[in-house]
C-alpha cells in the first residue's frame, strides 16, 4: 500500500511536469503562433503525454519494456482520462472563451480531472508489476538463447 501511495505521488508530480509542458506549448501556439485554442490543445496534449510517459517509465514505475509498444499502450490506456481531460478543457474554453489565461486554466482543470483515471489505468495496465516481470523473464530468455 505504501508503494502504491508513493507511485501515485510520483505520478502526480510528473503530472505537474506534464502540465508545465502542456501549458507552455499551448501558450506558445495560441499566443505567439496564433493557432486556435482547440487545435493548439491537441498538439500540446501530445507533448504532455510523451513527457509524462517517459518520466513515469523511468521514475515512477522503472519500466524496461520495449518503449514504442509501451508508449502506444500508455496512450491507449489513458484515452479515457484524455477524454475527461480534453472534455473539461473544451468546456472551459467554450464557456469562458480563449483569451488571456483561460486556455491555461482549462489545461489545469482538465489535468486534474484526468489524474486519478490515468494513474489507475497506467499502474494496472501499462506498468503493472506482473507485466514488468513477464517482460523481464522474456528478456532473460532471449539473452540465454
N, C-alpha and C. Protein backbone atom coordinates (compact mmCIF):
# COMPACT_ATOMS: atom_id res chain seq x y z
N UNK A 1 0.81 -1.19 0.00
CA UNK A 1 0.00 0.00 0.00
C UNK A 1 0.87 1.27 0.00
N UNK A 2 1.96 1.24 0.79
CA UNK A 2 2.88 2.38 0.82
C UNK A 2 3.47 2.63 -0.57
N UNK A 3 3.85 1.56 -1.25
CA UNK A 3 4.44 1.70 -2.58
C UNK A 3 3.43 2.30 -3.55
N UNK A 4 2.20 1.89 -3.48
CA UNK A 4 1.15 2.43 -4.36
C UNK A 4 0.97 3.93 -4.10
N UNK A 5 1.01 4.32 -2.84
CA UNK A 5 0.88 5.73 -2.48
C UNK A 5 2.06 6.54 -3.02
N UNK A 6 3.27 5.99 -2.87
CA UNK A 6 4.46 6.67 -3.41
C UNK A 6 4.36 6.80 -4.93
N UNK A 7 3.90 5.74 -5.57
CA UNK A 7 3.73 5.79 -7.03
C UNK A 7 2.73 6.88 -7.41
N UNK A 8 1.63 6.97 -6.69
CA UNK A 8 0.63 7.98 -7.01
C UNK A 8 1.22 9.38 -6.87
N UNK A 9 1.98 9.63 -5.80
CA UNK A 9 2.56 10.97 -5.62
C UNK A 9 3.61 11.27 -6.69
N UNK A 10 4.41 10.26 -7.06
CA UNK A 10 5.34 10.46 -8.18
C UNK A 10 4.58 10.75 -9.47
N UNK A 11 3.54 9.96 -9.71
CA UNK A 11 2.71 10.13 -10.90
C UNK A 11 2.12 11.55 -10.93
N UNK A 12 1.62 12.01 -9.79
CA UNK A 12 1.05 13.37 -9.72
C UNK A 12 2.13 14.43 -9.92
N UNK A 13 3.31 14.23 -9.33
CA UNK A 13 4.41 15.19 -9.52
C UNK A 13 4.83 15.25 -10.98
N UNK A 14 4.89 14.11 -11.61
CA UNK A 14 5.21 14.07 -13.03
C UNK A 14 4.09 14.70 -13.84
N UNK A 15 2.87 14.57 -13.35
CA UNK A 15 1.74 15.26 -13.97
C UNK A 15 1.94 16.77 -13.97
N UNK A 16 2.57 17.30 -12.91
CA UNK A 16 2.86 18.73 -12.85
C UNK A 16 3.86 19.09 -13.96
N UNK A 17 4.85 18.24 -14.16
CA UNK A 17 5.80 18.45 -15.27
C UNK A 17 5.05 18.43 -16.60
N UNK A 18 4.15 17.47 -16.74
CA UNK A 18 3.34 17.40 -17.95
C UNK A 18 2.48 18.64 -18.13
N UNK A 19 1.95 19.16 -17.02
CA UNK A 19 1.16 20.39 -17.07
C UNK A 19 2.01 21.55 -17.57
N UNK A 20 3.23 21.66 -17.07
CA UNK A 20 4.12 22.76 -17.50
C UNK A 20 4.41 22.66 -18.99
N UNK A 21 4.69 21.43 -19.47
CA UNK A 21 4.91 21.23 -20.90
C UNK A 21 3.64 21.59 -21.67
N UNK A 22 2.51 21.06 -21.24
CA UNK A 22 1.22 21.28 -21.89
C UNK A 22 0.91 22.78 -21.96
N UNK A 23 0.99 23.45 -20.82
CA UNK A 23 0.67 24.88 -20.76
C UNK A 23 1.66 25.71 -21.56
N UNK A 24 2.94 25.33 -21.51
CA UNK A 24 3.95 26.06 -22.28
C UNK A 24 3.73 25.95 -23.77
N UNK A 25 3.44 24.74 -24.24
CA UNK A 25 3.20 24.54 -25.67
C UNK A 25 1.93 25.25 -26.10
N UNK A 26 0.88 25.16 -25.29
CA UNK A 26 -0.37 25.81 -25.67
C UNK A 26 -0.22 27.34 -25.68
N UNK A 27 0.51 27.88 -24.71
CA UNK A 27 0.75 29.32 -24.69
C UNK A 27 1.53 29.75 -25.93
N UNK A 28 2.54 29.00 -26.28
CA UNK A 28 3.33 29.30 -27.47
C UNK A 28 2.47 29.26 -28.73
N UNK A 29 1.68 28.20 -28.86
CA UNK A 29 0.87 28.03 -30.07
C UNK A 29 -0.26 29.05 -30.19
N UNK A 30 -0.92 29.37 -29.06
CA UNK A 30 -2.06 30.30 -29.11
C UNK A 30 -1.58 31.75 -29.13
N UNK A 31 -0.70 32.09 -28.21
CA UNK A 31 -0.31 33.49 -28.07
C UNK A 31 0.72 33.95 -29.09
N UNK A 32 1.68 33.10 -29.40
CA UNK A 32 2.76 33.51 -30.29
C UNK A 32 2.46 33.16 -31.75
N UNK A 33 1.96 31.95 -31.97
CA UNK A 33 1.75 31.50 -33.34
C UNK A 33 0.33 31.71 -33.84
N UNK A 34 -0.59 32.11 -32.96
CA UNK A 34 -1.95 32.43 -33.37
C UNK A 34 -2.83 31.24 -33.73
N UNK A 35 -2.45 30.05 -33.29
CA UNK A 35 -3.26 28.86 -33.55
C UNK A 35 -4.52 28.91 -32.68
N UNK A 36 -5.60 28.31 -33.14
CA UNK A 36 -6.82 28.25 -32.35
C UNK A 36 -6.63 27.44 -31.09
N UNK A 37 -7.41 27.74 -30.07
CA UNK A 37 -7.27 27.09 -28.76
C UNK A 37 -7.49 25.58 -28.82
N UNK A 38 -8.43 25.12 -29.65
CA UNK A 38 -8.70 23.68 -29.71
C UNK A 38 -7.60 22.94 -30.48
N UNK A 39 -7.14 23.50 -31.59
CA UNK A 39 -6.06 22.87 -32.36
C UNK A 39 -4.77 22.85 -31.54
N UNK A 40 -4.50 23.94 -30.86
CA UNK A 40 -3.29 24.02 -30.04
C UNK A 40 -3.32 22.98 -28.92
N UNK A 41 -4.51 22.75 -28.37
CA UNK A 41 -4.64 21.79 -27.26
C UNK A 41 -4.31 20.37 -27.71
N UNK A 42 -4.70 20.02 -28.92
CA UNK A 42 -4.38 18.67 -29.41
C UNK A 42 -2.86 18.48 -29.52
N UNK A 43 -2.18 19.49 -30.01
CA UNK A 43 -0.72 19.43 -30.15
C UNK A 43 -0.07 19.42 -28.77
N UNK A 44 -0.49 20.32 -27.90
CA UNK A 44 0.13 20.42 -26.57
C UNK A 44 -0.11 19.15 -25.76
N UNK A 45 -1.29 18.56 -25.93
CA UNK A 45 -1.60 17.33 -25.20
C UNK A 45 -0.64 16.21 -25.60
N UNK A 46 -0.34 16.10 -26.89
CA UNK A 46 0.60 15.07 -27.34
C UNK A 46 1.97 15.25 -26.68
N UNK A 47 2.46 16.48 -26.63
CA UNK A 47 3.76 16.73 -26.00
C UNK A 47 3.71 16.38 -24.51
N UNK A 48 2.62 16.70 -23.85
CA UNK A 48 2.47 16.39 -22.43
C UNK A 48 2.43 14.88 -22.20
N UNK A 49 1.70 14.16 -23.04
CA UNK A 49 1.62 12.70 -22.89
C UNK A 49 2.99 12.06 -23.09
N UNK A 50 3.72 12.48 -24.11
CA UNK A 50 5.05 11.92 -24.36
C UNK A 50 5.97 12.19 -23.18
N UNK A 51 5.89 13.38 -22.63
CA UNK A 51 6.73 13.74 -21.49
C UNK A 51 6.38 12.92 -20.25
N UNK A 52 5.10 12.84 -19.93
CA UNK A 52 4.70 12.11 -18.72
C UNK A 52 4.97 10.62 -18.86
N UNK A 53 4.78 10.07 -20.06
CA UNK A 53 5.09 8.66 -20.25
C UNK A 53 6.56 8.42 -19.95
N UNK A 54 7.44 9.21 -20.52
CA UNK A 54 8.88 8.99 -20.34
C UNK A 54 9.27 9.09 -18.87
N UNK A 55 8.82 10.15 -18.19
CA UNK A 55 9.17 10.31 -16.78
C UNK A 55 8.57 9.21 -15.91
N UNK A 56 7.32 8.82 -16.18
CA UNK A 56 6.71 7.73 -15.40
C UNK A 56 7.42 6.41 -15.66
N UNK A 57 7.79 6.18 -16.89
CA UNK A 57 8.54 4.96 -17.25
C UNK A 57 9.82 4.87 -16.43
N UNK A 58 10.54 5.99 -16.34
CA UNK A 58 11.83 6.00 -15.66
C UNK A 58 11.72 6.08 -14.14
N UNK A 59 10.89 7.00 -13.64
CA UNK A 59 10.96 7.34 -12.22
C UNK A 59 9.80 6.81 -11.37
N UNK A 60 8.64 6.58 -11.96
CA UNK A 60 7.52 6.09 -11.16
C UNK A 60 7.47 4.58 -11.15
N UNK A 61 7.61 3.96 -12.33
CA UNK A 61 7.42 2.53 -12.45
C UNK A 61 8.69 1.76 -12.81
N UNK A 62 9.76 2.42 -13.22
CA UNK A 62 11.03 1.75 -13.54
C UNK A 62 10.89 0.69 -14.62
N UNK A 63 10.18 0.99 -15.66
CA UNK A 63 9.92 0.01 -16.71
C UNK A 63 11.14 -0.23 -17.60
N UNK A 64 11.25 -1.47 -18.06
CA UNK A 64 12.30 -1.84 -19.01
C UNK A 64 11.71 -2.47 -20.27
N UNK A 65 10.42 -2.34 -20.44
CA UNK A 65 9.75 -2.92 -21.61
C UNK A 65 10.13 -2.16 -22.88
N UNK A 66 9.87 -2.75 -24.05
CA UNK A 66 10.14 -2.04 -25.30
C UNK A 66 9.38 -0.70 -25.33
N UNK A 67 10.09 0.41 -25.58
CA UNK A 67 9.48 1.73 -25.42
C UNK A 67 8.34 2.05 -26.38
N UNK A 68 8.44 1.76 -27.65
CA UNK A 68 7.40 2.16 -28.59
C UNK A 68 6.07 1.49 -28.25
N UNK A 69 6.13 0.21 -28.04
CA UNK A 69 4.90 -0.52 -27.69
C UNK A 69 4.30 0.00 -26.38
N UNK A 70 5.17 0.22 -25.41
CA UNK A 70 4.70 0.71 -24.12
C UNK A 70 4.09 2.11 -24.27
N UNK A 71 4.70 2.98 -25.06
CA UNK A 71 4.14 4.31 -25.28
C UNK A 71 2.75 4.22 -25.89
N UNK A 72 2.61 3.37 -26.90
CA UNK A 72 1.30 3.21 -27.53
C UNK A 72 0.27 2.66 -26.55
N UNK A 73 0.68 1.73 -25.68
CA UNK A 73 -0.22 1.21 -24.65
C UNK A 73 -0.58 2.31 -23.64
N UNK A 74 0.39 3.14 -23.31
CA UNK A 74 0.15 4.25 -22.39
C UNK A 74 -0.90 5.20 -22.97
N UNK A 75 -0.75 5.54 -24.24
CA UNK A 75 -1.70 6.43 -24.90
C UNK A 75 -3.09 5.77 -24.92
N UNK A 76 -3.14 4.49 -25.29
CA UNK A 76 -4.43 3.78 -25.36
C UNK A 76 -5.07 3.66 -23.98
N UNK A 77 -4.29 3.29 -22.98
CA UNK A 77 -4.83 3.10 -21.63
C UNK A 77 -5.32 4.41 -21.04
N UNK A 78 -4.70 5.50 -21.43
CA UNK A 78 -5.07 6.80 -20.88
C UNK A 78 -6.07 7.54 -21.76
N UNK A 79 -6.62 6.86 -22.75
CA UNK A 79 -7.59 7.51 -23.64
C UNK A 79 -8.83 7.97 -22.87
N UNK A 80 -9.28 7.20 -21.90
CA UNK A 80 -10.45 7.60 -21.12
C UNK A 80 -10.14 8.85 -20.30
N UNK A 81 -8.99 8.85 -19.64
CA UNK A 81 -8.56 10.04 -18.89
C UNK A 81 -8.36 11.22 -19.83
N UNK A 82 -7.88 10.94 -21.04
CA UNK A 82 -7.70 12.01 -22.03
C UNK A 82 -9.04 12.60 -22.42
N UNK A 83 -10.04 11.75 -22.55
CA UNK A 83 -11.38 12.24 -22.89
C UNK A 83 -11.90 13.16 -21.79
N UNK A 84 -11.70 12.76 -20.55
CA UNK A 84 -12.10 13.60 -19.41
C UNK A 84 -11.31 14.91 -19.44
N UNK A 85 -10.00 14.79 -19.61
CA UNK A 85 -9.10 15.94 -19.62
C UNK A 85 -9.48 16.92 -20.73
N UNK A 86 -9.55 16.42 -21.96
CA UNK A 86 -9.84 17.29 -23.10
C UNK A 86 -11.28 17.82 -23.05
N UNK A 87 -12.20 17.02 -22.53
CA UNK A 87 -13.58 17.48 -22.38
C UNK A 87 -13.69 18.63 -21.40
N UNK A 88 -12.99 18.53 -20.28
CA UNK A 88 -13.01 19.62 -19.30
C UNK A 88 -12.40 20.88 -19.91
N UNK A 89 -11.30 20.71 -20.63
CA UNK A 89 -10.66 21.85 -21.30
C UNK A 89 -11.63 22.51 -22.29
N UNK A 90 -12.25 21.70 -23.14
CA UNK A 90 -13.17 22.22 -24.15
C UNK A 90 -14.35 22.94 -23.49
N UNK A 91 -14.84 22.41 -22.39
CA UNK A 91 -15.96 23.05 -21.69
C UNK A 91 -15.56 24.42 -21.14
N UNK A 92 -14.36 24.50 -20.57
CA UNK A 92 -13.88 25.77 -20.02
C UNK A 92 -13.73 26.81 -21.14
N UNK A 93 -13.08 26.39 -22.25
CA UNK A 93 -12.87 27.32 -23.36
C UNK A 93 -14.21 27.73 -23.99
N UNK A 94 -15.13 26.77 -24.15
CA UNK A 94 -16.44 27.09 -24.74
C UNK A 94 -17.22 28.05 -23.83
N UNK A 95 -17.09 27.87 -22.54
CA UNK A 95 -17.85 28.67 -21.58
C UNK A 95 -17.24 30.06 -21.39
N UNK A 96 -15.89 30.11 -21.28
CA UNK A 96 -15.23 31.37 -20.93
C UNK A 96 -14.46 32.03 -22.07
N UNK A 97 -14.28 31.33 -23.18
CA UNK A 97 -13.52 31.88 -24.30
C UNK A 97 -12.06 31.47 -24.23
N UNK A 98 -11.25 32.05 -25.11
CA UNK A 98 -9.85 31.63 -25.18
C UNK A 98 -8.89 32.79 -24.98
N UNK A 99 -9.34 33.86 -24.38
CA UNK A 99 -8.45 34.99 -24.16
C UNK A 99 -7.70 34.85 -22.84
N UNK A 100 -6.59 35.54 -22.77
CA UNK A 100 -5.80 35.58 -21.54
C UNK A 100 -5.34 34.20 -21.07
N UNK A 101 -5.57 33.96 -19.80
CA UNK A 101 -5.09 32.73 -19.16
C UNK A 101 -6.13 31.61 -19.19
N UNK A 102 -7.24 31.83 -19.84
CA UNK A 102 -8.31 30.82 -19.83
C UNK A 102 -7.85 29.47 -20.40
N UNK A 103 -7.14 29.42 -21.54
CA UNK A 103 -6.69 28.11 -22.01
C UNK A 103 -5.78 27.38 -21.01
N UNK A 104 -4.94 28.13 -20.32
CA UNK A 104 -4.03 27.52 -19.33
C UNK A 104 -4.85 27.01 -18.13
N UNK A 105 -5.84 27.77 -17.70
CA UNK A 105 -6.72 27.31 -16.62
C UNK A 105 -7.46 26.05 -17.06
N UNK A 106 -7.88 26.01 -18.31
CA UNK A 106 -8.54 24.82 -18.85
C UNK A 106 -7.63 23.61 -18.84
N UNK A 107 -6.34 23.81 -19.16
CA UNK A 107 -5.37 22.72 -19.11
C UNK A 107 -5.25 22.21 -17.67
N UNK A 108 -5.18 23.13 -16.70
CA UNK A 108 -5.05 22.72 -15.29
C UNK A 108 -6.26 21.93 -14.83
N UNK A 109 -7.44 22.43 -15.12
CA UNK A 109 -8.67 21.74 -14.70
C UNK A 109 -8.79 20.39 -15.39
N UNK A 110 -8.48 20.35 -16.67
CA UNK A 110 -8.51 19.08 -17.40
C UNK A 110 -7.52 18.07 -16.85
N UNK A 111 -6.33 18.54 -16.52
CA UNK A 111 -5.29 17.65 -15.98
C UNK A 111 -5.72 17.04 -14.66
N UNK A 112 -6.27 17.85 -13.79
CA UNK A 112 -6.75 17.34 -12.50
C UNK A 112 -7.90 16.36 -12.70
N UNK A 113 -8.75 16.64 -13.65
CA UNK A 113 -9.90 15.77 -13.90
C UNK A 113 -9.47 14.38 -14.37
N UNK A 114 -8.39 14.30 -15.13
CA UNK A 114 -7.95 13.01 -15.66
C UNK A 114 -6.93 12.28 -14.81
N UNK A 115 -6.39 12.92 -13.77
CA UNK A 115 -5.28 12.37 -12.99
C UNK A 115 -5.54 10.98 -12.41
N UNK A 116 -6.60 10.83 -11.66
CA UNK A 116 -6.85 9.54 -10.98
C UNK A 116 -7.12 8.43 -11.98
N UNK A 117 -7.91 8.73 -13.00
CA UNK A 117 -8.20 7.72 -14.02
C UNK A 117 -6.91 7.29 -14.71
N UNK A 118 -6.08 8.24 -15.07
CA UNK A 118 -4.83 7.91 -15.75
C UNK A 118 -3.89 7.10 -14.86
N UNK A 119 -3.84 7.43 -13.57
CA UNK A 119 -2.98 6.67 -12.67
C UNK A 119 -3.44 5.22 -12.56
N UNK A 120 -4.73 5.03 -12.37
CA UNK A 120 -5.24 3.67 -12.21
C UNK A 120 -4.97 2.84 -13.47
N UNK A 121 -5.23 3.39 -14.62
CA UNK A 121 -5.01 2.65 -15.86
C UNK A 121 -3.52 2.43 -16.13
N UNK A 122 -2.71 3.43 -15.85
CA UNK A 122 -1.27 3.28 -16.08
C UNK A 122 -0.67 2.23 -15.16
N UNK A 123 -1.01 2.31 -13.88
CA UNK A 123 -0.40 1.39 -12.92
C UNK A 123 -0.91 -0.04 -13.07
N UNK A 124 -2.15 -0.21 -13.49
CA UNK A 124 -2.72 -1.55 -13.57
C UNK A 124 -2.62 -2.18 -14.95
N UNK A 125 -2.46 -1.37 -15.99
CA UNK A 125 -2.42 -1.91 -17.34
C UNK A 125 -1.04 -1.77 -17.96
N UNK A 126 -0.55 -0.55 -18.08
CA UNK A 126 0.70 -0.31 -18.81
C UNK A 126 1.91 -0.74 -18.01
N UNK A 127 1.99 -0.32 -16.75
CA UNK A 127 3.18 -0.56 -15.94
C UNK A 127 2.93 -1.58 -14.83
N UNK A 128 2.03 -2.51 -15.02
CA UNK A 128 1.72 -3.46 -13.95
C UNK A 128 2.95 -4.29 -13.62
N UNK A 129 3.13 -4.61 -12.35
CA UNK A 129 4.31 -5.38 -11.95
C UNK A 129 4.29 -6.77 -12.57
N UNK A 130 3.13 -7.32 -12.77
CA UNK A 130 3.04 -8.64 -13.41
C UNK A 130 3.56 -8.55 -14.84
N UNK A 131 3.16 -7.51 -15.55
CA UNK A 131 3.61 -7.32 -16.92
C UNK A 131 5.12 -7.04 -16.96
N UNK A 132 5.62 -6.26 -16.00
CA UNK A 132 7.04 -5.98 -15.95
C UNK A 132 7.85 -7.24 -15.68
N UNK A 133 7.35 -8.10 -14.78
CA UNK A 133 8.04 -9.35 -14.50
C UNK A 133 8.05 -10.25 -15.73
N UNK A 134 6.91 -10.31 -16.43
CA UNK A 134 6.81 -11.13 -17.63
C UNK A 134 7.80 -10.63 -18.69
N UNK A 135 7.90 -9.31 -18.85
CA UNK A 135 8.81 -8.71 -19.81
C UNK A 135 10.26 -9.01 -19.43
N UNK A 136 10.59 -8.93 -18.15
CA UNK A 136 11.93 -9.23 -17.69
C UNK A 136 12.28 -10.69 -17.91
N UNK A 137 11.32 -11.59 -17.69
CA UNK A 137 11.54 -13.02 -17.93
C UNK A 137 11.78 -13.29 -19.41
N UNK A 138 11.03 -12.65 -20.27
CA UNK A 138 11.20 -12.83 -21.72
C UNK A 138 12.57 -12.31 -22.15
N UNK A 139 12.99 -11.18 -21.60
CA UNK A 139 14.30 -10.63 -21.96
C UNK A 139 15.41 -11.54 -21.49
N UNK A 140 15.24 -12.14 -20.31
CA UNK A 140 16.24 -13.08 -19.78
C UNK A 140 16.35 -14.32 -20.68
N UNK A 141 15.21 -14.83 -21.13
CA UNK A 141 15.21 -15.97 -22.04
C UNK A 141 15.92 -15.63 -23.35
N UNK A 142 15.68 -14.44 -23.88
CA UNK A 142 16.32 -14.03 -25.12
C UNK A 142 17.83 -13.96 -24.95
N UNK A 143 18.31 -13.51 -23.82
CA UNK A 143 19.76 -13.43 -23.57
C UNK A 143 20.39 -14.80 -23.51
N UNK A 144 19.66 -15.78 -22.97
CA UNK A 144 20.19 -17.13 -22.83
C UNK A 144 20.27 -17.85 -24.16
N UNK A 145 19.39 -17.48 -25.09
CA UNK A 145 19.34 -18.16 -26.39
C UNK A 145 20.39 -17.67 -27.29
